[in-house]
C-alpha atoms as a PDB file:
ATOM      1  CA  MET A   1     285.928  21.945  67.853  1.00  0.00           C
ATOM      2  CA  GLU A   2     288.841  21.003  70.068  1.00  0.00           C
ATOM      3  CA  THR A   3     286.882  21.959  73.191  1.00  0.00           C
ATOM      4  CA  ARG A   4     283.892  19.889  72.052  1.00  0.00           C
ATOM      5  CA  ASP A   5     286.107  16.857  71.408  1.00  0.00           C
ATOM      6  CA  ARG A   6     287.696  17.249  74.822  1.00  0.00           C
ATOM      7  CA  ARG A   7     284.270  17.319  76.452  1.00  0.00           C
ATOM      8  CA  ALA A   8     283.224  14.180  74.561  1.00  0.00           C
ATOM      9  CA  ALA A   9     286.378  12.428  75.735  1.00  0.00           C
ATOM     10  CA  GLN A  10     285.564  13.400  79.318  1.00  0.00           C
ATOM     11  CA  ILE A  11     281.965  12.198  79.085  1.00  0.00           C
ATOM     12  CA  ALA A  12     282.733   8.816  77.527  1.00  0.00           C
ATOM     13  CA  PRO A  13     284.663   7.315  80.485  1.00  0.00           C
ATOM     14  CA  ALA A  14     281.898   8.370  82.888  1.00  0.00           C
ATOM     15  CA  GLU A  15     279.286   6.645  80.701  1.00  0.00           C
ATOM     16  CA  VAL A  16     281.405   3.494  80.512  1.00  0.00           C
ATOM     17  CA  LYS A  17     281.876   3.496  84.283  1.00  0.00           C
ATOM     18  CA  LEU A  18     278.123   3.882  84.837  1.00  0.00           C
ATOM     19  CA  ARG A  19     277.368   0.957  82.541  1.00  0.00           C
ATOM     20  CA  GLU A  20     280.040  -1.177  84.222  1.00  0.00           C
ATOM     21  CA  ASP A  21     278.593  -0.407  87.634  1.00  0.00           C
ATOM     22  CA  ALA A  22     275.103  -1.299  86.418  1.00  0.00           C
ATOM     23  CA  GLU A  23     276.380  -4.652  85.134  1.00  0.00           C
ATOM     24  CA  ARG A  24     278.074  -5.240  88.483  1.00  0.00           C
ATOM     25  CA  TYR A  25     274.775  -4.613  90.269  1.00  0.00           C
ATOM     26  CA  CYS A  26     273.202  -7.270  88.026  1.00  0.00           C
ATOM     27  CA  ALA A  27     275.784  -9.775  89.229  1.00  0.00           C
ATOM     28  CA  ARG A  28     275.202  -8.659  92.794  1.00  0.00           C
ATOM     29  CA  ALA A  29     271.438  -9.113  92.372  1.00  0.00           C
ATOM     30  CA  MET A  30     272.072 -12.731  91.425  1.00  0.00           C
ATOM     31  CA  GLN A  31     274.132 -13.181  94.583  1.00  0.00           C
ATOM     32  CA  LEU A  32     271.211 -11.783  96.556  1.00  0.00           C
ATOM     33  CA  GLY A  33     268.819 -14.386  95.171  1.00  0.00           C
ATOM     34  CA  ALA A  34     267.618 -13.071  91.817  1.00  0.00           C
ATOM     35  CA  THR A  35     266.994 -15.566  89.034  1.00  0.00           C
ATOM     36  CA  ASP A  36     268.006 -13.023  86.391  1.00  0.00           C
ATOM     37  CA  ALA A  37     268.985  -9.362  86.129  1.00  0.00           C
ATOM     38  CA  LYS A  38     269.429  -7.033  83.167  1.00  0.00           C
ATOM     39  CA  VAL A  39     270.616  -3.502  82.491  1.00  0.00           C
ATOM     40  CA  ILE A  40     268.204  -1.438  80.401  1.00  0.00           C
ATOM     41  CA  ARG A  41     267.992   2.206  79.414  1.00  0.00           C
ATOM     42  CA  THR A  42     265.398   4.128  81.380  1.00  0.00           C
ATOM     43  CA  GLU A  43     263.604   4.916  78.104  1.00  0.00           C
ATOM     44  CA  ASP A  44     262.549   1.263  78.164  1.00  0.00           C
ATOM     45  CA  VAL A  45     260.825   1.586  81.539  1.00  0.00           C
ATOM     46  CA  ILE A  46     257.145   1.978  80.668  1.00  0.00           C
ATOM     47  CA  ILE A  47     255.082   4.440  82.699  1.00  0.00           C
ATOM     48  CA  ASP A  48     251.328   4.046  82.370  1.00  0.00           C
ATOM     49  CA  GLU A  49     248.579   5.622  84.462  1.00  0.00           C
ATOM     50  CA  ARG A  50     246.613   2.372  84.251  1.00  0.00           C
ATOM     51  CA  ALA A  51     249.284   0.477  86.179  1.00  0.00           C
ATOM     52  CA  ARG A  52     248.809   2.731  89.188  1.00  0.00           C
ATOM     53  CA  ALA A  53     245.026   2.706  88.713  1.00  0.00           C
ATOM     54  CA  LYS A  54     245.082  -1.057  89.322  1.00  0.00           C
ATOM     55  CA  CYS A  55     246.003  -0.269  92.944  1.00  0.00           C
ATOM     56  CA  HIS A  56     242.545   1.256  93.280  1.00  0.00           C
ATOM     57  CA  PHE A  57     240.396  -0.717  90.810  1.00  0.00           C
ATOM     58  CA  PRO A  58     239.869  -3.188  92.418  1.00  0.00           C
ATOM     59  CA  THR A  59     241.109  -1.570  95.596  1.00  0.00           C
ATOM     60  CA  CYS A  60     244.162  -3.259  97.090  1.00  0.00           C
ATOM     61  CA  SER A  61     244.002  -4.001 100.801  1.00  0.00           C
ATOM     62  CA  HIS A  62     247.026  -1.711 101.304  1.00  0.00           C
ATOM     63  CA  TYR A  63     245.575   1.246  99.389  1.00  0.00           C
ATOM     64  CA  ASN A  64     245.620   4.385 101.568  1.00  0.00           C
ATOM     65  CA  THR A  65     247.269   2.514 104.472  1.00  0.00           C
ATOM     66  CA  ASN A  66     250.935   3.543 104.114  1.00  0.00           C
ATOM     67  CA  LEU A  67     253.131   6.210 102.542  1.00  0.00           C
ATOM     68  CA  ASN A  68     254.602   3.826  99.957  1.00  0.00           C
ATOM     69  CA  CYS A  69     251.232   3.013  98.379  1.00  0.00           C
ATOM     70  CA  PRO A  70     248.750   5.209  96.478  1.00  0.00           C
ATOM     71  CA  PRO A  71     247.347   7.743  96.944  1.00  0.00           C
ATOM     72  CA  TYR A  72     250.572   8.831  98.691  1.00  0.00           C
ATOM     73  CA  THR A  73     253.027   7.838  95.968  1.00  0.00           C
ATOM     74  CA  PRO A  74     254.042  10.578  93.469  1.00  0.00           C
ATOM     75  CA  ALA A  75     251.720  11.674  90.690  1.00  0.00           C
ATOM     76  CA  VAL A  76     252.322   9.936  87.365  1.00  0.00           C
ATOM     77  CA  ASP A  77     253.790  13.034  85.696  1.00  0.00           C
ATOM     78  CA  GLU A  78     256.176  13.403  88.613  1.00  0.00           C
ATOM     79  CA  VAL A  79     257.284   9.790  88.143  1.00  0.00           C
ATOM     80  CA  ARG A  80     257.900  10.456  84.439  1.00  0.00           C
ATOM     81  CA  THR A  81     260.059  13.451  85.309  1.00  0.00           C
ATOM     82  CA  LEU A  82     261.923  11.454  87.944  1.00  0.00           C
ATOM     83  CA  LEU A  83     262.628   8.627  85.503  1.00  0.00           C
ATOM     84  CA  SER A  84     263.919  11.048  82.860  1.00  0.00           C
ATOM     85  CA  ARG A  85     266.736  12.096  85.195  1.00  0.00           C
ATOM     86  CA  TYR A  86     268.266   8.611  85.203  1.00  0.00           C
ATOM     87  CA  ARG A  87     270.108   6.862  82.377  1.00  0.00           C
ATOM     88  CA  TYR A  88     270.114   3.212  83.399  1.00  0.00           C
ATOM     89  CA  ALA A  89     267.887   0.794  85.236  1.00  0.00           C
ATOM     90  CA  VAL A  90     268.758  -2.599  86.651  1.00  0.00           C
ATOM     91  CA  LEU A  91     265.805  -4.974  86.401  1.00  0.00           C
ATOM     92  CA  LEU A  92     265.941  -8.000  88.655  1.00  0.00           C
ATOM     93  CA  LYS A  93     263.519 -10.863  88.935  1.00  0.00           C
ATOM     94  CA  ILE A  94     262.881 -14.076  90.784  1.00  0.00           C
ATOM     95  CA  ASP A  95     261.162 -16.969  89.037  1.00  0.00           C
ATOM     96  CA  VAL A  96     259.749 -19.890  90.954  1.00  0.00           C
ATOM     97  CA  ALA A  97     258.377 -23.007  89.328  1.00  0.00           C
ATOM     98  CA  SER A  98     254.618 -23.284  89.378  1.00  0.00           C
ATOM     99  CA  GLY A  99     253.615 -24.590  92.759  1.00  0.00           C
ATOM    100  CA  THR A 100     251.687 -23.025  95.581  1.00  0.00           C
ATOM    101  CA  MET A 101     250.791 -19.402  96.234  1.00  0.00           C
ATOM    102  CA  GLU A 102     253.077 -19.639  99.267  1.00  0.00           C
ATOM    103  CA  ASP A 103     255.993 -20.184  96.865  1.00  0.00           C
ATOM    104  CA  PHE A 104     254.986 -17.069  94.967  1.00  0.00           C
ATOM    105  CA  ASN A 105     254.552 -14.986  98.098  1.00  0.00           C
ATOM    106  CA  ARG A 106     257.924 -16.075  99.442  1.00  0.00           C
ATOM    107  CA  ALA A 107     259.611 -14.813  96.269  1.00  0.00           C
ATOM    108  CA  ASN A 108     257.505 -11.675  96.233  1.00  0.00           C
ATOM    109  CA  ARG A 109     258.022 -10.568  99.766  1.00  0.00           C
ATOM    110  CA  SER A 110     261.411 -10.714 101.360  1.00  0.00           C
ATOM    111  CA  VAL A 111     263.896 -11.642  98.641  1.00  0.00           C
ATOM    112  CA  ILE A 112     263.162  -8.979  96.020  1.00  0.00           C
ATOM    113  CA  MET A 113     262.717  -6.147  98.521  1.00  0.00           C
ATOM    114  CA  ASN A 114     265.865  -7.215 100.352  1.00  0.00           C
ATOM    115  CA  ALA A 115     267.831  -7.198  97.087  1.00  0.00           C
ATOM    116  CA  VAL A 116     266.434  -3.809  96.039  1.00  0.00           C
ATOM    117  CA  TRP A 117     267.379  -1.924  99.182  1.00  0.00           C
ATOM    118  CA  LYS A 118     270.789  -3.567  99.354  1.00  0.00           C
ATOM    119  CA  LEU A 119     271.555  -2.669  95.745  1.00  0.00           C
ATOM    120  CA  GLU A 120     270.381   0.891  96.342  1.00  0.00           C
ATOM    121  CA  SER A 121     272.635   1.127  99.387  1.00  0.00           C
ATOM    122  CA  GLU A 122     275.653  -0.256  97.541  1.00  0.00           C
ATOM    123  CA  ALA A 123     275.077   2.116  94.630  1.00  0.00           C
ATOM    124  CA  PHE A 124     274.908   5.028  97.081  1.00  0.00           C
ATOM    125  CA  TYR A 125     278.276   4.165  98.590  1.00  0.00           C
ATOM    126  CA  ASP A 126     279.726   3.698  95.093  1.00  0.00           C
ATOM    127  CA  GLY A 127     278.992   7.359  94.421  1.00  0.00           C
ATOM    128  CA  HIS A 128     275.561   7.003  92.808  1.00  0.00           C
ATOM    129  CA  TYR A 129     274.020   8.914  95.678  1.00  0.00           C
ATOM    130  CA  LEU A 130     270.719   9.509  93.858  1.00  0.00           C
ATOM    131  CA  ALA A 131     270.106   5.819  93.136  1.00  0.00           C
ATOM    132  CA  VAL A 132     266.611   4.651  94.020  1.00  0.00           C
ATOM    133  CA  GLY A 133     264.913   1.263  93.902  1.00  0.00           C
ATOM    134  CA  PHE A 134     261.364  -0.073  93.869  1.00  0.00           C
ATOM    135  CA  GLY A 135     260.182  -3.554  94.798  1.00  0.00           C
ATOM    136  CA  GLY A 136     257.638  -6.046  93.575  1.00  0.00           C
ATOM    137  CA  VAL A 137     255.242  -5.864  96.488  1.00  0.00           C
ATOM    138  CA  GLY A 138     254.210  -3.201  98.998  1.00  0.00           C
ATOM    139  CA  CYS A 139     256.451  -2.561 101.987  1.00  0.00           C
ATOM    140  CA  LYS A 140     253.574  -3.056 104.434  1.00  0.00           C
ATOM    141  CA  ASP A 141     253.318  -6.705 103.387  1.00  0.00           C
ATOM    142  CA  ILE A 142     256.924  -7.221 104.422  1.00  0.00           C
ATOM    143  CA  PHE A 143     257.717  -4.946 107.338  1.00  0.00           C
ATOM    144  CA  CYS A 144     254.480  -3.916 109.066  1.00  0.00           C
ATOM    145  CA  PRO A 145     251.720  -6.368 108.075  1.00  0.00           C
ATOM    146  CA  THR A 146     249.923  -6.120 111.421  1.00  0.00           C
ATOM    147  CA  GLN A 147     250.925  -2.590 112.430  1.00  0.00           C
ATOM    148  CA  GLU A 148     249.691   0.840 111.438  1.00  0.00           C
ATOM    149  CA  CYS A 149     252.068   2.702 109.132  1.00  0.00           C
ATOM    150  CA  GLN A 150     253.998   4.880 111.571  1.00  0.00           C
ATOM    151  CA  ALA A 151     254.961   7.293 108.795  1.00  0.00           C
ATOM    152  CA  LEU A 152     251.296   8.234 108.349  1.00  0.00           C
ATOM    153  CA  THR A 153     251.155   9.355 111.973  1.00  0.00           C
ATOM    154  CA  GLY A 154     254.080  11.735 111.556  1.00  0.00           C
ATOM    155  CA  LYS A 155     256.494   9.616 113.600  1.00  0.00           C
ATOM    156  CA  GLY A 156     258.581   8.465 110.650  1.00  0.00           C
ATOM    157  CA  CYS A 157     258.934   5.094 108.944  1.00  0.00           C
ATOM    158  CA  ARG A 158     260.106   2.175 111.103  1.00  0.00           C
ATOM    159  CA  HIS A 159     262.328   0.968 108.237  1.00  0.00           C
ATOM    160  CA  PRO A 160     263.286   4.094 106.257  1.00  0.00           C
ATOM    161  CA  PHE A 161     266.321   2.578 104.520  1.00  0.00           C
ATOM    162  CA  LYS A 162     264.507  -0.619 103.506  1.00  0.00           C
ATOM    163  CA  ALA A 163     260.862   0.207 102.798  1.00  0.00           C
ATOM    164  CA  ARG A 164     260.168   1.218  99.184  1.00  0.00           C
ATOM    165  CA  PRO A 165     257.090   1.458  96.951  1.00  0.00           C
ATOM    166  CA  ASN A 166     256.408  -1.371  94.562  1.00  0.00           C
ATOM    167  CA  MET A 167     256.763  -0.729  90.850  1.00  0.00           C
ATOM    168  CA  HIS A 168     253.088  -0.482  89.921  1.00  0.00           C
ATOM    169  CA  ALA A 169     252.476   1.935  92.798  1.00  0.00           C
ATOM    170  CA  MET A 170     254.949   4.157  90.887  1.00  0.00           C
ATOM    171  CA  ALA A 171     252.883   3.686  87.696  1.00  0.00           C
ATOM    172  CA  ILE A 172     255.460   1.353  86.114  1.00  0.00           C
ATOM    173  CA  ASP A 173     253.885  -1.163  83.751  1.00  0.00           C
ATOM    174  CA  VAL A 174     255.824  -4.204  84.929  1.00  0.00           C
ATOM    175  CA  PHE A 175     254.599  -6.514  82.156  1.00  0.00           C
ATOM    176  CA  ALA A 176     255.478  -4.100  79.336  1.00  0.00           C
ATOM    177  CA  THR A 177     258.832  -3.214  80.885  1.00  0.00           C
ATOM    178  CA  ALA A 178     259.725  -6.881  81.338  1.00  0.00           C
ATOM    179  CA  ALA A 179     258.765  -7.563  77.714  1.00  0.00           C
ATOM    180  CA  ARG A 180     261.129  -4.796  76.581  1.00  0.00           C
ATOM    181  CA  ALA A 181     263.869  -6.608  78.502  1.00  0.00           C
ATOM    182  CA  GLY A 182     263.039  -9.885  76.754  1.00  0.00           C
ATOM    183  CA  TRP A 183     261.272 -11.514  79.691  1.00  0.00           C
ATOM    184  CA  THR A 184     257.881 -13.198  79.616  1.00  0.00           C
ATOM    185  CA  LEU A 185     255.659 -12.767  82.656  1.00  0.00           C
ATOM    186  CA  TYR A 186     252.458 -14.645  83.346  1.00  0.00           C
ATOM    187  CA  PRO A 187     249.531 -12.938  85.118  1.00  0.00           C
ATOM    188  CA  VAL A 188     248.688 -14.595  88.413  1.00  0.00           C
ATOM    189  CA  GLY A 189     245.438 -14.150  90.314  1.00  0.00           C
ATOM    190  CA  THR A 190     243.600 -15.815  93.146  1.00  0.00           C
ATOM    191  CA  SER A 191     241.513 -17.885  90.713  1.00  0.00           C
ATOM    192  CA  CYS A 192     244.487 -19.181  88.689  1.00  0.00           C
ATOM    193  CA  ASP A 193     245.295 -22.838  88.325  1.00  0.00           C
ATOM    194  CA  LEU A 194     248.962 -22.455  89.218  1.00  0.00           C
ATOM    195  CA  ALA A 195     249.780 -25.834  87.717  1.00  0.00           C
ATOM    196  CA  THR A 196     249.117 -24.343  84.262  1.00  0.00           C
ATOM    197  CA  ILE A 197     251.494 -21.390  84.691  1.00  0.00           C
ATOM    198  CA  PRO A 198     255.095 -22.016  83.551  1.00  0.00           C
ATOM    199  CA  SER A 199     256.586 -19.814  86.251  1.00  0.00           C
ATOM    200  CA  LEU A 200     255.690 -17.246  88.889  1.00  0.00           C
ATOM    201  CA  SER A 201     257.771 -14.081  88.820  1.00  0.00           C
ATOM    202  CA  SER A 202     258.465 -11.082  91.009  1.00  0.00           C
ATOM    203  CA  ILE A 203     260.374  -8.050  89.720  1.00  0.00           C
ATOM    204  CA  GLY A 204     262.271  -5.145  91.265  1.00  0.00           C
ATOM    205  CA  ILE A 205     264.152  -2.209  89.777  1.00  0.00           C
ATOM    206  CA  LEU A 206     267.108   0.041  90.599  1.00  0.00           C
ATOM    207  CA  LEU A 207     267.542   3.417  88.876  1.00  0.00           C
ATOM    208  CA  ILE A 208     271.051   4.859  88.651  1.00  0.00           C
ATOM    209  CA  ASP A 209     272.780   7.817  87.024  1.00  0.00           C
END
């Protein structure tokens, strides 16, 4: 019994430290341009095959064009296993008032991906060396929109420390996960009347353990 109590006492500070670090990354996400950020347990990250299927039906223009999009991203069961090895996730989002699609794209592209890779890097140097993040839009949109994915040719990614898959390419149901965190997202499509949508949102995630 004494040994078990000693082990529990050793585990507790590590868990507290992990939670404190996750909260600190939330604050850092806000400094990097996020509108909001929350710490959630990884059990509240929803994996659904249908989220990844939406990359193919209808087929996204980036499908099969780079290593961070399907069909090259991990199989759904592999993603589930990966997620189970982490305890906490930091969800970060950017909201922009309804306006033009350019407003939405600006939030989607550089700001969220920039925040995700920076948070992942900071977590790595804090000792969370297995931290990994995913963005809200494909890396090709941001880094190589007019170039062939160099990683597919065997030459290696041009931006290996910055380019990451987006969440739905990893089979994460962004809408359901956001709802678990208490956020409301509004679907946006090319035929939407943006004036009727309360806000446009882009979401990223950092997994730590």
